[in-house]
Structure formats: structure tokens, C-alpha cells
Amino acid sequence: MPYALRTDHLVVGYDGWVSTPITLEVEPGTITAILGPSGCGKSTLLSTIAGIREAISGHVIVGDVDVTHIPAHERSVGLVFQEPLLFPNYDVARNVGYGLERQGVSRSAARARALELLEWVGLVGYGDRSVDELSGGQAQRVALVRALAPNPAILLLDEPFSALDVDLRQHLAREVAELLRGRGVAAVHVTHDPAEAEAIADHVVRFADICE
């Protein structure tokens, strides 16, 4: 069985900074946490895997497909950012169903799927609400299921709880880990917090250790 995600001597960079080659392997259905200080390149790695940034060299393989030169929206990669970045002009359900609509799913079918996912993360009855009514933790749950709605092969979590207080951050990390394992979703979670990494991951690696 192929890895859910593999990078092969992947070199990433931004604003003149360039990494050494990065090799990362994530098995299907597992959560890998990448631990490292702020500014070390973790977010740049995730945005390159997602296709938001272009790789300098090397390869990104999702399942058995080399997606290095495939546009972001065709990679089957979900990404949750540090901030929820919800669409303020859409209600909660429309936010969750946005990716499905972009795939050609009808708005009604996308909404039905969105309501199922909201129930899954404990937000029954929130579909018609404005995103302005959500707490920080609720907004990140919405961002999580928005990323999961199109059924990506791999989910990338870019310090999605960093704006929350320590207790809530670790609580949500454990909650998200349970939800992802329940659905067999493979994920990469980057953080600077060792306790958060241990709370969410099956495997914890240091960013420096995956760089040659």
C-alpha cells in the first residue's frame, strides 16, 4: 500500500530562504506531527505540499500520484490554516460545502453533506448561523470540516489552534485526533508545542530531523 503522503528530496523556500531536501512519509490513517520553532519552515512545507507554493525541487507524492506539478485544487489535499479564514458572506453550512460546490456538487447536496459533517463535530443546528457568531474553537471546527468535505487523501493542519489558550488548544487537539482516527483520515499537523504534538499525533518528528 502506498504512503498517504510522501515527499522525495523536496526543497521548499520563501523570501530568499531555501530548505535542505525534506523527506517525509505518512502512512494511511495516521497522524504525523512535525515539531519545530516558529519560522523554521513548517508552514512553507505544508503550503508547498498543498500546491499553494511551488516546489524548488524534489517531489510531492499523494497516494501513488506525483502531484508536484498538479494545480492545488486537483491534488486531493486539504489544508487548515492558523486562522479559520471562513467566508464572512456565507453561512456556516455554505462555508463547509464550498469545496464540494467547486467540485460540481449541487448546492442542495453540498448543504446536506455539510450538515452531516457539522453534526459529526458537535455543531448540530449551526448550519444557518453567521460565522461571526462562532467562538474560536467552533470556527476552527468549521474550518476542519470544510477541509474534509471534499474527502482529501491527506489533511494538513498548519497550527490551527495556535490562537487559542493552552487548555483549549490541547483539548481540541485530542478531539480532532479522535475524529480523524474515527474516519481513517491521514494528516500532518505542524506545531511548536510538544504537548499539542503528543496530544494529536501517532508519530512526532522534529522538522530538523526530516531535513537532510
N, C-alpha and C. Protein backbone atom coordinates (compact mmCIF):
# COMPACT_ATOMS: atom_id res chain seq x y z
N MET A 1 0.85 -1.20 0.00
CA MET A 1 0.00 0.00 0.00
C MET A 1 0.89 1.25 0.00
N PRO A 2 0.62 2.22 -0.89
CA PRO A 2 1.45 3.42 -0.91
C PRO A 2 1.22 4.26 0.34
N TYR A 3 2.19 5.13 0.60
CA TYR A 3 2.01 6.09 1.68
C TYR A 3 0.86 7.04 1.32
N ALA A 4 0.17 7.56 2.34
CA ALA A 4 -0.83 8.59 2.07
C ALA A 4 -0.15 9.83 1.51
N LEU A 5 1.04 10.13 2.04
CA LEU A 5 1.82 11.27 1.56
C LEU A 5 3.30 10.92 1.67
N ARG A 6 4.05 11.32 0.65
CA ARG A 6 5.50 11.16 0.70
C ARG A 6 6.14 12.34 -0.02
N THR A 7 7.17 12.89 0.58
CA THR A 7 7.98 13.89 -0.13
C THR A 7 9.34 13.27 -0.40
N ASP A 8 9.83 13.48 -1.60
CA ASP A 8 11.08 12.88 -2.04
C ASP A 8 12.08 13.99 -2.32
N HIS A 9 13.01 14.21 -1.37
CA HIS A 9 14.04 15.24 -1.52
C HIS A 9 13.42 16.58 -1.92
N LEU A 10 12.34 16.93 -1.22
CA LEU A 10 11.61 18.15 -1.54
C LEU A 10 12.34 19.36 -0.97
N VAL A 11 12.58 20.33 -1.83
CA VAL A 11 13.21 21.59 -1.39
C VAL A 11 12.17 22.69 -1.51
N VAL A 12 11.97 23.42 -0.40
CA VAL A 12 10.97 24.49 -0.36
C VAL A 12 11.67 25.78 0.04
N GLY A 13 10.99 26.91 -0.16
CA GLY A 13 11.61 28.17 0.22
C GLY A 13 10.66 29.34 0.10
N TYR A 14 11.06 30.46 0.70
CA TYR A 14 10.31 31.72 0.58
C TYR A 14 11.25 32.87 0.95
N ASP A 15 11.04 34.01 0.30
CA ASP A 15 11.77 35.25 0.61
C ASP A 15 13.28 35.05 0.75
N GLY A 16 13.84 34.25 -0.14
CA GLY A 16 15.28 34.05 -0.13
C GLY A 16 15.76 32.89 0.73
N TRP A 17 14.89 32.37 1.62
CA TRP A 17 15.26 31.21 2.43
C TRP A 17 14.96 29.94 1.65
N VAL A 18 15.89 28.99 1.66
CA VAL A 18 15.71 27.72 0.96
C VAL A 18 16.05 26.59 1.92
N SER A 19 15.20 25.59 1.98
CA SER A 19 15.44 24.45 2.87
C SER A 19 16.47 23.50 2.26
N THR A 20 16.97 22.63 3.10
CA THR A 20 17.67 21.45 2.60
C THR A 20 16.60 20.45 2.15
N PRO A 21 16.95 19.39 1.40
CA PRO A 21 15.93 18.43 0.95
C PRO A 21 15.18 17.79 2.12
N ILE A 22 13.88 17.70 1.97
CA ILE A 22 12.99 17.21 3.03
C ILE A 22 12.38 15.88 2.60
N THR A 23 12.50 14.88 3.46
CA THR A 23 11.88 13.58 3.21
C THR A 23 10.90 13.28 4.33
N LEU A 24 9.62 13.15 3.97
CA LEU A 24 8.55 12.90 4.92
C LEU A 24 7.69 11.77 4.40
N GLU A 25 7.32 10.84 5.28
CA GLU A 25 6.46 9.73 4.90
C GLU A 25 5.33 9.60 5.91
N VAL A 26 4.10 9.58 5.41
CA VAL A 26 2.92 9.48 6.28
C VAL A 26 2.10 8.27 5.84
N GLU A 27 1.89 7.35 6.76
CA GLU A 27 1.15 6.14 6.44
C GLU A 27 -0.35 6.42 6.43
N PRO A 28 -1.11 5.65 5.65
CA PRO A 28 -2.57 5.85 5.60
C PRO A 28 -3.19 5.76 6.99
N GLY A 29 -4.13 6.64 7.26
CA GLY A 29 -4.88 6.59 8.51
C GLY A 29 -4.13 7.03 9.74
N THR A 30 -2.93 7.60 9.59
CA THR A 30 -2.14 8.02 10.75
C THR A 30 -1.98 9.54 10.76
N ILE A 31 -1.68 10.06 11.95
CA ILE A 31 -1.43 11.49 12.11
C ILE A 31 0.03 11.68 12.49
N THR A 32 0.74 12.46 11.70
CA THR A 32 2.12 12.79 11.97
C THR A 32 2.22 14.25 12.38
N ALA A 33 2.84 14.51 13.51
CA ALA A 33 3.07 15.89 13.93
C ALA A 33 4.51 16.27 13.62
N ILE A 34 4.69 17.45 13.05
CA ILE A 34 6.01 17.99 12.79
C ILE A 34 6.24 19.12 13.79
N LEU A 35 7.25 18.95 14.61
CA LEU A 35 7.51 19.86 15.71
C LEU A 35 8.72 20.73 15.39
N GLY A 36 8.57 22.03 15.61
CA GLY A 36 9.69 22.92 15.35
C GLY A 36 9.35 24.34 15.76
N PRO A 37 10.35 25.18 15.98
CA PRO A 37 10.10 26.56 16.39
C PRO A 37 9.44 27.37 15.29
N SER A 38 8.79 28.44 15.69
CA SER A 38 8.18 29.35 14.71
C SER A 38 9.25 29.88 13.76
N GLY A 39 8.90 29.92 12.47
CA GLY A 39 9.81 30.47 11.48
C GLY A 39 10.81 29.50 10.91
N CYS A 40 10.71 28.20 11.28
CA CYS A 40 11.71 27.25 10.79
C CYS A 40 11.38 26.69 9.40
N GLY A 41 10.16 26.93 8.91
CA GLY A 41 9.80 26.47 7.57
C GLY A 41 8.66 25.48 7.54
N LYS A 42 8.03 25.20 8.68
CA LYS A 42 6.95 24.20 8.73
C LYS A 42 5.77 24.61 7.84
N SER A 43 5.34 25.85 7.97
CA SER A 43 4.19 26.31 7.17
C SER A 43 4.52 26.34 5.69
N THR A 44 5.77 26.70 5.36
CA THR A 44 6.18 26.70 3.96
C THR A 44 6.13 25.30 3.39
N LEU A 45 6.53 24.31 4.19
CA LEU A 45 6.44 22.92 3.74
C LEU A 45 5.00 22.54 3.44
N LEU A 46 4.07 22.87 4.34
CA LEU A 46 2.68 22.50 4.12
C LEU A 46 2.09 23.20 2.90
N SER A 47 2.39 24.48 2.74
CA SER A 47 1.83 25.21 1.60
C SER A 47 2.40 24.68 0.29
N THR A 48 3.62 24.15 0.32
CA THR A 48 4.21 23.55 -0.88
C THR A 48 3.55 22.21 -1.18
N ILE A 49 3.32 21.40 -0.14
CA ILE A 49 2.62 20.12 -0.33
C ILE A 49 1.22 20.37 -0.89
N ALA A 50 0.56 21.42 -0.40
CA ALA A 50 -0.80 21.73 -0.85
C ALA A 50 -0.84 22.33 -2.25
N GLY A 51 0.30 22.82 -2.74
CA GLY A 51 0.33 23.42 -4.07
C GLY A 51 0.14 24.91 -4.09
N ILE A 52 0.11 25.53 -2.90
CA ILE A 52 -0.01 26.99 -2.83
C ILE A 52 1.31 27.64 -3.20
N ARG A 53 2.41 27.02 -2.77
CA ARG A 53 3.75 27.46 -3.19
C ARG A 53 4.32 26.41 -4.14
N GLU A 54 5.17 26.85 -5.04
CA GLU A 54 5.81 25.94 -5.97
C GLU A 54 7.06 25.35 -5.35
N ALA A 55 7.24 24.05 -5.52
CA ALA A 55 8.45 23.39 -5.02
C ALA A 55 9.66 23.90 -5.80
N ILE A 56 10.78 24.07 -5.10
CA ILE A 56 12.02 24.45 -5.77
C ILE A 56 12.59 23.25 -6.51
N SER A 57 12.56 22.09 -5.86
CA SER A 57 12.95 20.83 -6.49
C SER A 57 12.39 19.69 -5.67
N GLY A 58 12.54 18.47 -6.18
CA GLY A 58 12.02 17.31 -5.49
C GLY A 58 10.56 17.03 -5.85
N HIS A 59 9.95 16.12 -5.09
CA HIS A 59 8.63 15.63 -5.46
C HIS A 59 7.70 15.54 -4.25
N VAL A 60 6.41 15.74 -4.54
CA VAL A 60 5.32 15.52 -3.58
C VAL A 60 4.46 14.40 -4.15
N ILE A 61 4.30 13.31 -3.41
CA ILE A 61 3.52 12.17 -3.88
C ILE A 61 2.37 11.93 -2.92
N VAL A 62 1.15 12.00 -3.43
CA VAL A 62 -0.06 11.74 -2.64
C VAL A 62 -0.63 10.41 -3.09
N GLY A 63 -0.68 9.44 -2.18
CA GLY A 63 -1.03 8.09 -2.59
C GLY A 63 0.05 7.57 -3.51
N ASP A 64 -0.33 7.23 -4.73
CA ASP A 64 0.67 6.80 -5.71
C ASP A 64 0.78 7.78 -6.87
N VAL A 65 0.35 9.03 -6.64
CA VAL A 65 0.35 10.05 -7.70
C VAL A 65 1.36 11.15 -7.36
N ASP A 66 2.25 11.43 -8.29
CA ASP A 66 3.19 12.55 -8.14
C ASP A 66 2.42 13.83 -8.50
N VAL A 67 2.16 14.66 -7.48
CA VAL A 67 1.33 15.85 -7.69
C VAL A 67 2.18 17.12 -7.76
N THR A 68 3.48 16.98 -7.86
CA THR A 68 4.38 18.12 -7.77
C THR A 68 3.99 19.25 -8.73
N HIS A 69 3.55 18.88 -9.92
CA HIS A 69 3.22 19.90 -10.93
C HIS A 69 1.72 19.95 -11.22
N ILE A 70 0.91 19.43 -10.30
CA ILE A 70 -0.54 19.45 -10.44
C ILE A 70 -1.10 20.64 -9.67
N PRO A 71 -2.06 21.38 -10.23
CA PRO A 71 -2.62 22.54 -9.51
C PRO A 71 -3.19 22.14 -8.14
N ALA A 72 -3.20 23.10 -7.23
CA ALA A 72 -3.61 22.84 -5.85
C ALA A 72 -4.99 22.21 -5.77
N HIS A 73 -5.95 22.70 -6.56
CA HIS A 73 -7.33 22.22 -6.43
C HIS A 73 -7.52 20.81 -6.98
N GLU A 74 -6.49 20.24 -7.61
CA GLU A 74 -6.58 18.88 -8.14
C GLU A 74 -5.72 17.89 -7.36
N ARG A 75 -5.17 18.30 -6.22
CA ARG A 75 -4.21 17.45 -5.51
C ARG A 75 -4.84 16.51 -4.49
N SER A 76 -6.09 16.66 -4.14
CA SER A 76 -6.73 15.88 -3.08
C SER A 76 -6.01 16.08 -1.75
N VAL A 77 -5.68 17.35 -1.49
CA VAL A 77 -5.03 17.74 -0.24
C VAL A 77 -5.89 18.80 0.43
N GLY A 78 -6.24 18.57 1.70
CA GLY A 78 -6.97 19.56 2.48
C GLY A 78 -6.01 20.32 3.37
N LEU A 79 -6.28 21.61 3.58
CA LEU A 79 -5.38 22.44 4.39
C LEU A 79 -6.21 23.30 5.33
N VAL A 80 -5.87 23.23 6.63
CA VAL A 80 -6.48 24.08 7.64
C VAL A 80 -5.40 25.03 8.16
N PHE A 81 -5.68 26.33 8.07
CA PHE A 81 -4.68 27.34 8.40
C PHE A 81 -4.69 27.69 9.89
N GLN A 82 -3.74 28.54 10.28
CA GLN A 82 -3.68 29.01 11.66
C GLN A 82 -4.94 29.78 12.04
N GLU A 83 -5.48 30.55 11.12
CA GLU A 83 -6.75 31.24 11.31
C GLU A 83 -7.81 30.51 10.49
N PRO A 84 -9.06 30.48 10.96
CA PRO A 84 -10.10 29.73 10.23
C PRO A 84 -10.33 30.21 8.80
N LEU A 85 -10.22 31.53 8.55
CA LEU A 85 -10.40 32.10 7.21
C LEU A 85 -11.73 31.68 6.59
N LEU A 86 -12.78 31.76 7.39
CA LEU A 86 -14.11 31.44 6.88
C LEU A 86 -14.63 32.60 6.04
N PHE A 87 -15.53 32.28 5.10
CA PHE A 87 -16.09 33.30 4.22
C PHE A 87 -17.20 34.06 4.97
N PRO A 88 -17.02 35.35 5.25
CA PRO A 88 -18.00 36.06 6.08
C PRO A 88 -19.36 36.24 5.42
N ASN A 89 -19.41 36.17 4.08
CA ASN A 89 -20.67 36.36 3.38
C ASN A 89 -21.46 35.07 3.21
N TYR A 90 -20.94 33.95 3.69
CA TYR A 90 -21.63 32.66 3.64
C TYR A 90 -21.99 32.24 5.06
N ASP A 91 -23.12 31.53 5.18
CA ASP A 91 -23.42 30.96 6.49
C ASP A 91 -22.51 29.76 6.74
N VAL A 92 -22.64 29.14 7.91
CA VAL A 92 -21.72 28.07 8.29
C VAL A 92 -21.80 26.90 7.33
N ALA A 93 -23.01 26.47 6.98
CA ALA A 93 -23.17 25.31 6.09
C ALA A 93 -22.59 25.59 4.70
N ARG A 94 -22.77 26.79 4.20
CA ARG A 94 -22.24 27.14 2.86
C ARG A 94 -20.71 27.15 2.90
N ASN A 95 -20.14 27.60 4.03
CA ASN A 95 -18.69 27.53 4.19
C ASN A 95 -18.21 26.09 4.08
N VAL A 96 -18.87 25.19 4.80
CA VAL A 96 -18.44 23.79 4.81
C VAL A 96 -18.59 23.16 3.43
N GLY A 97 -19.65 23.50 2.73
CA GLY A 97 -19.92 22.90 1.43
C GLY A 97 -19.22 23.56 0.26
N TYR A 98 -18.43 24.60 0.53
CA TYR A 98 -17.81 25.37 -0.55
C TYR A 98 -16.97 24.50 -1.48
N GLY A 99 -16.12 23.67 -0.92
CA GLY A 99 -15.26 22.83 -1.75
C GLY A 99 -16.05 21.84 -2.59
N LEU A 100 -17.14 21.33 -2.03
CA LEU A 100 -17.99 20.41 -2.79
C LEU A 100 -18.64 21.11 -3.97
N GLU A 101 -19.10 22.33 -3.75
CA GLU A 101 -19.70 23.09 -4.85
C GLU A 101 -18.68 23.33 -5.96
N ARG A 102 -17.44 23.60 -5.58
CA ARG A 102 -16.39 23.81 -6.58
C ARG A 102 -16.11 22.53 -7.37
N GLN A 103 -16.41 21.38 -6.77
CA GLN A 103 -16.24 20.11 -7.47
C GLN A 103 -17.43 19.79 -8.36
N GLY A 104 -18.46 20.65 -8.35
CA GLY A 104 -19.62 20.43 -9.20
C GLY A 104 -20.81 19.82 -8.50
N VAL A 105 -20.71 19.62 -7.18
CA VAL A 105 -21.85 19.11 -6.42
C VAL A 105 -22.90 20.21 -6.31
N SER A 106 -24.17 19.86 -6.43
CA SER A 106 -25.23 20.85 -6.34
C SER A 106 -25.23 21.50 -4.97
N ARG A 107 -25.75 22.71 -4.90
CA ARG A 107 -25.74 23.42 -3.63
C ARG A 107 -26.56 22.68 -2.58
N SER A 108 -27.67 22.10 -2.98
CA SER A 108 -28.51 21.38 -2.01
C SER A 108 -27.80 20.14 -1.48
N ALA A 109 -27.13 19.41 -2.37
CA ALA A 109 -26.40 18.21 -1.94
C ALA A 109 -25.20 18.59 -1.07
N ALA A 110 -24.53 19.68 -1.43
CA ALA A 110 -23.40 20.15 -0.64
C ALA A 110 -23.86 20.56 0.75
N ARG A 111 -25.01 21.19 0.81
CA ARG A 111 -25.53 21.61 2.12
C ARG A 111 -25.90 20.41 2.98
N ALA A 112 -26.51 19.41 2.37
CA ALA A 112 -26.86 18.20 3.13
C ALA A 112 -25.61 17.54 3.70
N ARG A 113 -24.56 17.48 2.90
CA ARG A 113 -23.30 16.90 3.36
C ARG A 113 -22.69 17.77 4.47
N ALA A 114 -22.78 19.09 4.30
CA ALA A 114 -22.24 20.00 5.30
C ALA A 114 -22.94 19.81 6.65
N LEU A 115 -24.24 19.62 6.64
CA LEU A 115 -24.97 19.44 7.89
C LEU A 115 -24.58 18.14 8.57
N GLU A 116 -24.31 17.10 7.78
CA GLU A 116 -23.83 15.83 8.35
C GLU A 116 -22.48 16.04 9.05
N LEU A 117 -21.58 16.77 8.39
CA LEU A 117 -20.25 16.99 8.94
C LEU A 117 -20.31 17.89 10.19
N LEU A 118 -21.19 18.86 10.19
CA LEU A 118 -21.34 19.71 11.36
C LEU A 118 -21.84 18.91 12.56
N GLU A 119 -22.73 17.97 12.30
CA GLU A 119 -23.19 17.09 13.38
C GLU A 119 -22.02 16.27 13.92
N TRP A 120 -21.16 15.82 13.02
CA TRP A 120 -20.02 14.99 13.38
C TRP A 120 -19.07 15.72 14.34
N VAL A 121 -18.95 17.05 14.20
CA VAL A 121 -18.07 17.80 15.09
C VAL A 121 -18.84 18.54 16.18
N GLY A 122 -20.06 18.09 16.45
CA GLY A 122 -20.82 18.62 17.57
C GLY A 122 -21.43 19.98 17.35
N LEU A 123 -21.69 20.34 16.09
CA LEU A 123 -22.28 21.65 15.79
C LEU A 123 -23.64 21.50 15.13
N VAL A 124 -24.47 20.63 15.69
CA VAL A 124 -25.84 20.46 15.19
C VAL A 124 -26.58 21.79 15.34
N GLY A 125 -27.32 22.18 14.29
CA GLY A 125 -28.10 23.41 14.34
C GLY A 125 -27.33 24.67 14.01
N TYR A 126 -26.06 24.54 13.64
CA TYR A 126 -25.25 25.72 13.35
C TYR A 126 -25.22 26.08 11.86
N GLY A 127 -25.85 25.27 11.02
CA GLY A 127 -25.73 25.48 9.58
C GLY A 127 -26.16 26.84 9.09
N ASP A 128 -27.22 27.41 9.68
CA ASP A 128 -27.76 28.68 9.21
C ASP A 128 -27.12 29.88 9.90
N ARG A 129 -26.22 29.64 10.81
CA ARG A 129 -25.63 30.75 11.56
C ARG A 129 -24.59 31.50 10.74
N SER A 130 -24.42 32.77 11.11
CA SER A 130 -23.32 33.56 10.56
C SER A 130 -22.02 33.10 11.21
N VAL A 131 -20.94 33.15 10.46
CA VAL A 131 -19.65 32.75 11.04
C VAL A 131 -19.23 33.73 12.13
N ASP A 132 -19.79 34.94 12.13
CA ASP A 132 -19.46 35.92 13.17
C ASP A 132 -19.97 35.50 14.54
N GLU A 133 -20.90 34.55 14.58
CA GLU A 133 -21.47 34.09 15.85
C GLU A 133 -20.64 32.97 16.49
N LEU A 134 -19.61 32.50 15.83
CA LEU A 134 -18.86 31.35 16.31
C LEU A 134 -17.74 31.76 17.26
N SER A 135 -17.49 30.92 18.26
CA SER A 135 -16.31 31.09 19.10
C SER A 135 -15.08 30.65 18.31
N GLY A 136 -13.90 30.89 18.87
CA GLY A 136 -12.68 30.49 18.19
C GLY A 136 -12.61 28.99 17.95
N GLY A 137 -12.97 28.21 18.95
CA GLY A 137 -12.96 26.76 18.82
C GLY A 137 -13.98 26.26 17.81
N GLN A 138 -15.16 26.87 17.83
CA GLN A 138 -16.20 26.47 16.86
C GLN A 138 -15.77 26.82 15.44
N ALA A 139 -15.17 27.98 15.26
CA ALA A 139 -14.73 28.39 13.93
C ALA A 139 -13.69 27.42 13.38
N GLN A 140 -12.79 26.95 14.24
CA GLN A 140 -11.77 26.01 13.75
C GLN A 140 -12.39 24.65 13.44
N ARG A 141 -13.43 24.25 14.14
CA ARG A 141 -14.13 23.01 13.78
C ARG A 141 -14.78 23.15 12.40
N VAL A 142 -15.35 24.31 12.14
CA VAL A 142 -15.94 24.55 10.82
C VAL A 142 -14.87 24.52 9.74
N ALA A 143 -13.73 25.15 10.01
CA ALA A 143 -12.63 25.12 9.05
C ALA A 143 -12.15 23.69 8.81
N LEU A 144 -12.13 22.89 9.87
CA LEU A 144 -11.71 21.49 9.75
C LEU A 144 -12.64 20.72 8.83
N VAL A 145 -13.95 20.80 9.05
CA VAL A 145 -14.87 20.01 8.22
C VAL A 145 -14.99 20.59 6.82
N ARG A 146 -14.74 21.89 6.65
CA ARG A 146 -14.69 22.45 5.30
C ARG A 146 -13.55 21.80 4.51
N ALA A 147 -12.41 21.60 5.17
CA ALA A 147 -11.27 20.96 4.50
C ALA A 147 -11.53 19.48 4.23
N LEU A 148 -12.31 18.84 5.11
CA LEU A 148 -12.58 17.41 4.97
C LEU A 148 -13.73 17.10 4.01
N ALA A 149 -14.60 18.05 3.76
CA ALA A 149 -15.80 17.79 2.97
C ALA A 149 -15.51 17.18 1.60
N PRO A 150 -14.48 17.63 0.87
CA PRO A 150 -14.21 17.02 -0.45
C PRO A 150 -13.48 15.67 -0.38
N ASN A 151 -13.34 15.11 0.84
CA ASN A 151 -12.67 13.81 1.03
C ASN A 151 -11.24 13.80 0.51
N PRO A 152 -10.38 14.67 1.04
CA PRO A 152 -8.99 14.70 0.57
C PRO A 152 -8.26 13.43 0.98
N ALA A 153 -7.21 13.09 0.24
CA ALA A 153 -6.40 11.93 0.58
C ALA A 153 -5.51 12.21 1.79
N ILE A 154 -5.18 13.48 2.01
CA ILE A 154 -4.33 13.87 3.13
C ILE A 154 -4.80 15.23 3.63
N LEU A 155 -4.82 15.40 4.95
CA LEU A 155 -5.21 16.67 5.56
C LEU A 155 -3.99 17.29 6.21
N LEU A 156 -3.76 18.58 5.93
CA LEU A 156 -2.65 19.32 6.51
C LEU A 156 -3.19 20.34 7.50
N LEU A 157 -2.63 20.33 8.70
CA LEU A 157 -3.08 21.21 9.78
C LEU A 157 -1.93 22.15 10.15
N ASP A 158 -2.07 23.42 9.80
CA ASP A 158 -1.00 24.39 10.00
C ASP A 158 -1.24 25.17 11.29
N GLU A 159 -0.85 24.59 12.41
CA GLU A 159 -1.03 25.20 13.73
C GLU A 159 -2.43 25.80 13.90
N PRO A 160 -3.48 25.00 13.66
CA PRO A 160 -4.83 25.57 13.64
C PRO A 160 -5.35 26.01 15.00
N PHE A 161 -4.66 25.65 16.08
CA PHE A 161 -5.14 26.01 17.41
C PHE A 161 -4.26 27.06 18.07
N SER A 162 -3.32 27.63 17.34
CA SER A 162 -2.30 28.50 17.94
C SER A 162 -2.89 29.77 18.55
N ALA A 163 -4.05 30.22 18.07
CA ALA A 163 -4.65 31.44 18.59
C ALA A 163 -5.48 31.21 19.84
N LEU A 164 -5.61 29.93 20.25
CA LEU A 164 -6.46 29.58 21.39
C LEU A 164 -5.60 29.45 22.65
N ASP A 165 -6.24 29.51 23.82
CA ASP A 165 -5.48 29.34 25.05
C ASP A 165 -5.01 27.90 25.19
N VAL A 166 -4.04 27.66 26.08
CA VAL A 166 -3.36 26.38 26.15
C VAL A 166 -4.32 25.23 26.42
N ASP A 167 -5.22 25.39 27.38
CA ASP A 167 -6.13 24.30 27.74
C ASP A 167 -7.04 23.94 26.57
N LEU A 168 -7.61 24.95 25.91
CA LEU A 168 -8.49 24.70 24.79
C LEU A 168 -7.71 24.11 23.62
N ARG A 169 -6.48 24.56 23.42
CA ARG A 169 -5.66 24.05 22.33
C ARG A 169 -5.43 22.55 22.46
N GLN A 170 -5.07 22.11 23.65
CA GLN A 170 -4.81 20.69 23.85
C GLN A 170 -6.10 19.87 23.81
N HIS A 171 -7.19 20.46 24.32
CA HIS A 171 -8.48 19.76 24.26
C HIS A 171 -8.90 19.55 22.81
N LEU A 172 -8.81 20.60 21.99
CA LEU A 172 -9.20 20.47 20.60
C LEU A 172 -8.27 19.53 19.84
N ALA A 173 -6.99 19.54 20.18
CA ALA A 173 -6.05 18.62 19.52
C ALA A 173 -6.47 17.18 19.76
N ARG A 174 -6.79 16.85 21.00
CA ARG A 174 -7.24 15.48 21.31
C ARG A 174 -8.55 15.16 20.61
N GLU A 175 -9.46 16.14 20.58
CA GLU A 175 -10.76 15.93 19.95
C GLU A 175 -10.61 15.71 18.45
N VAL A 176 -9.80 16.54 17.80
CA VAL A 176 -9.58 16.40 16.36
C VAL A 176 -8.90 15.07 16.05
N ALA A 177 -7.94 14.67 16.87
CA ALA A 177 -7.27 13.39 16.65
C ALA A 177 -8.27 12.24 16.69
N GLU A 178 -9.18 12.28 17.65
CA GLU A 178 -10.19 11.22 17.76
C GLU A 178 -11.10 11.21 16.54
N LEU A 179 -11.49 12.40 16.09
CA LEU A 179 -12.36 12.50 14.92
C LEU A 179 -11.67 11.97 13.66
N LEU A 180 -10.42 12.35 13.46
CA LEU A 180 -9.70 11.92 12.26
C LEU A 180 -9.46 10.41 12.27
N ARG A 181 -9.09 9.88 13.43
CA ARG A 181 -8.87 8.43 13.50
C ARG A 181 -10.17 7.67 13.27
N GLY A 182 -11.27 8.24 13.74
CA GLY A 182 -12.57 7.59 13.53
C GLY A 182 -12.94 7.48 12.06
N ARG A 183 -12.43 8.39 11.25
CA ARG A 183 -12.72 8.38 9.82
C ARG A 183 -11.55 7.84 8.99
N GLY A 184 -10.46 7.47 9.66
CA GLY A 184 -9.31 6.92 8.95
C GLY A 184 -8.60 7.93 8.07
N VAL A 185 -8.64 9.21 8.47
CA VAL A 185 -8.03 10.27 7.67
C VAL A 185 -6.56 10.43 8.04
N ALA A 186 -5.69 10.40 7.05
CA ALA A 186 -4.26 10.66 7.27
C ALA A 186 -4.05 12.17 7.36
N ALA A 187 -3.17 12.58 8.27
CA ALA A 187 -2.98 14.01 8.47
C ALA A 187 -1.55 14.33 8.86
N VAL A 188 -1.15 15.57 8.55
CA VAL A 188 0.10 16.14 9.03
C VAL A 188 -0.25 17.38 9.82
N HIS A 189 0.24 17.46 11.05
CA HIS A 189 -0.06 18.57 11.94
C HIS A 189 1.25 19.23 12.33
N VAL A 190 1.41 20.52 12.05
CA VAL A 190 2.64 21.20 12.45
C VAL A 190 2.36 22.08 13.66
N THR A 191 3.33 22.12 14.57
CA THR A 191 3.17 22.89 15.79
C THR A 191 4.54 23.16 16.40
N HIS A 192 4.58 24.17 17.27
CA HIS A 192 5.79 24.44 18.06
C HIS A 192 5.62 23.93 19.49
N ASP A 193 4.44 23.34 19.79
CA ASP A 193 4.08 22.95 21.14
C ASP A 193 4.20 21.43 21.31
N PRO A 194 5.19 20.94 22.06
CA PRO A 194 5.36 19.49 22.22
C PRO A 194 4.13 18.81 22.82
N ALA A 195 3.45 19.46 23.77
CA ALA A 195 2.27 18.85 24.39
C ALA A 195 1.15 18.68 23.37
N GLU A 196 0.98 19.67 22.50
CA GLU A 196 -0.04 19.58 21.46
C GLU A 196 0.31 18.47 20.47
N ALA A 197 1.58 18.37 20.13
CA ALA A 197 2.02 17.31 19.21
C ALA A 197 1.71 15.94 19.79
N GLU A 198 2.01 15.74 21.06
CA GLU A 198 1.76 14.45 21.70
C GLU A 198 0.27 14.17 21.79
N ALA A 199 -0.55 15.23 21.97
CA ALA A 199 -1.99 15.05 22.11
C ALA A 199 -2.65 14.59 20.83
N ILE A 200 -2.10 14.98 19.69
CA ILE A 200 -2.80 14.71 18.43
C ILE A 200 -2.20 13.59 17.60
N ALA A 201 -0.90 13.30 17.78
CA ALA A 201 -0.21 12.51 16.75
C ALA A 201 0.05 11.06 17.14
N ASP A 202 0.10 10.22 16.10
CA ASP A 202 0.61 8.85 16.23
C ASP A 202 2.13 8.86 16.19
N HIS A 203 2.68 9.79 15.40
CA HIS A 203 4.12 9.91 15.25
C HIS A 203 4.50 11.38 15.36
N VAL A 204 5.53 11.68 16.13
CA VAL A 204 6.03 13.04 16.24
C VAL A 204 7.46 13.08 15.69
N VAL A 205 7.70 13.98 14.75
CA VAL A 205 9.05 14.16 14.21
C VAL A 205 9.43 15.62 14.33
N ARG A 206 10.69 15.87 14.50
CA ARG A 206 11.18 17.25 14.52
C ARG A 206 11.49 17.69 13.08
N PHE A 207 11.16 18.95 12.81
CA PHE A 207 11.37 19.45 11.44
C PHE A 207 12.83 19.25 11.02
N ALA A 208 13.74 19.49 11.94
CA ALA A 208 15.16 19.35 11.61
C ALA A 208 15.52 17.93 11.23
N ASP A 209 14.78 16.95 11.77
CA ASP A 209 15.11 15.54 11.52
C ASP A 209 14.65 15.03 10.17
N ILE A 210 13.71 15.74 9.53
CA ILE A 210 13.26 15.31 8.20
C ILE A 210 13.99 16.07 7.08
N CYS A 211 14.88 16.96 7.50
CA CYS A 211 15.69 17.74 6.54
C CYS A 211 17.07 17.11 6.47
N GLU A 212 17.57 16.91 5.25
CA GLU A 212 18.92 16.34 5.09
C GLU A 212 19.97 17.39 5.40
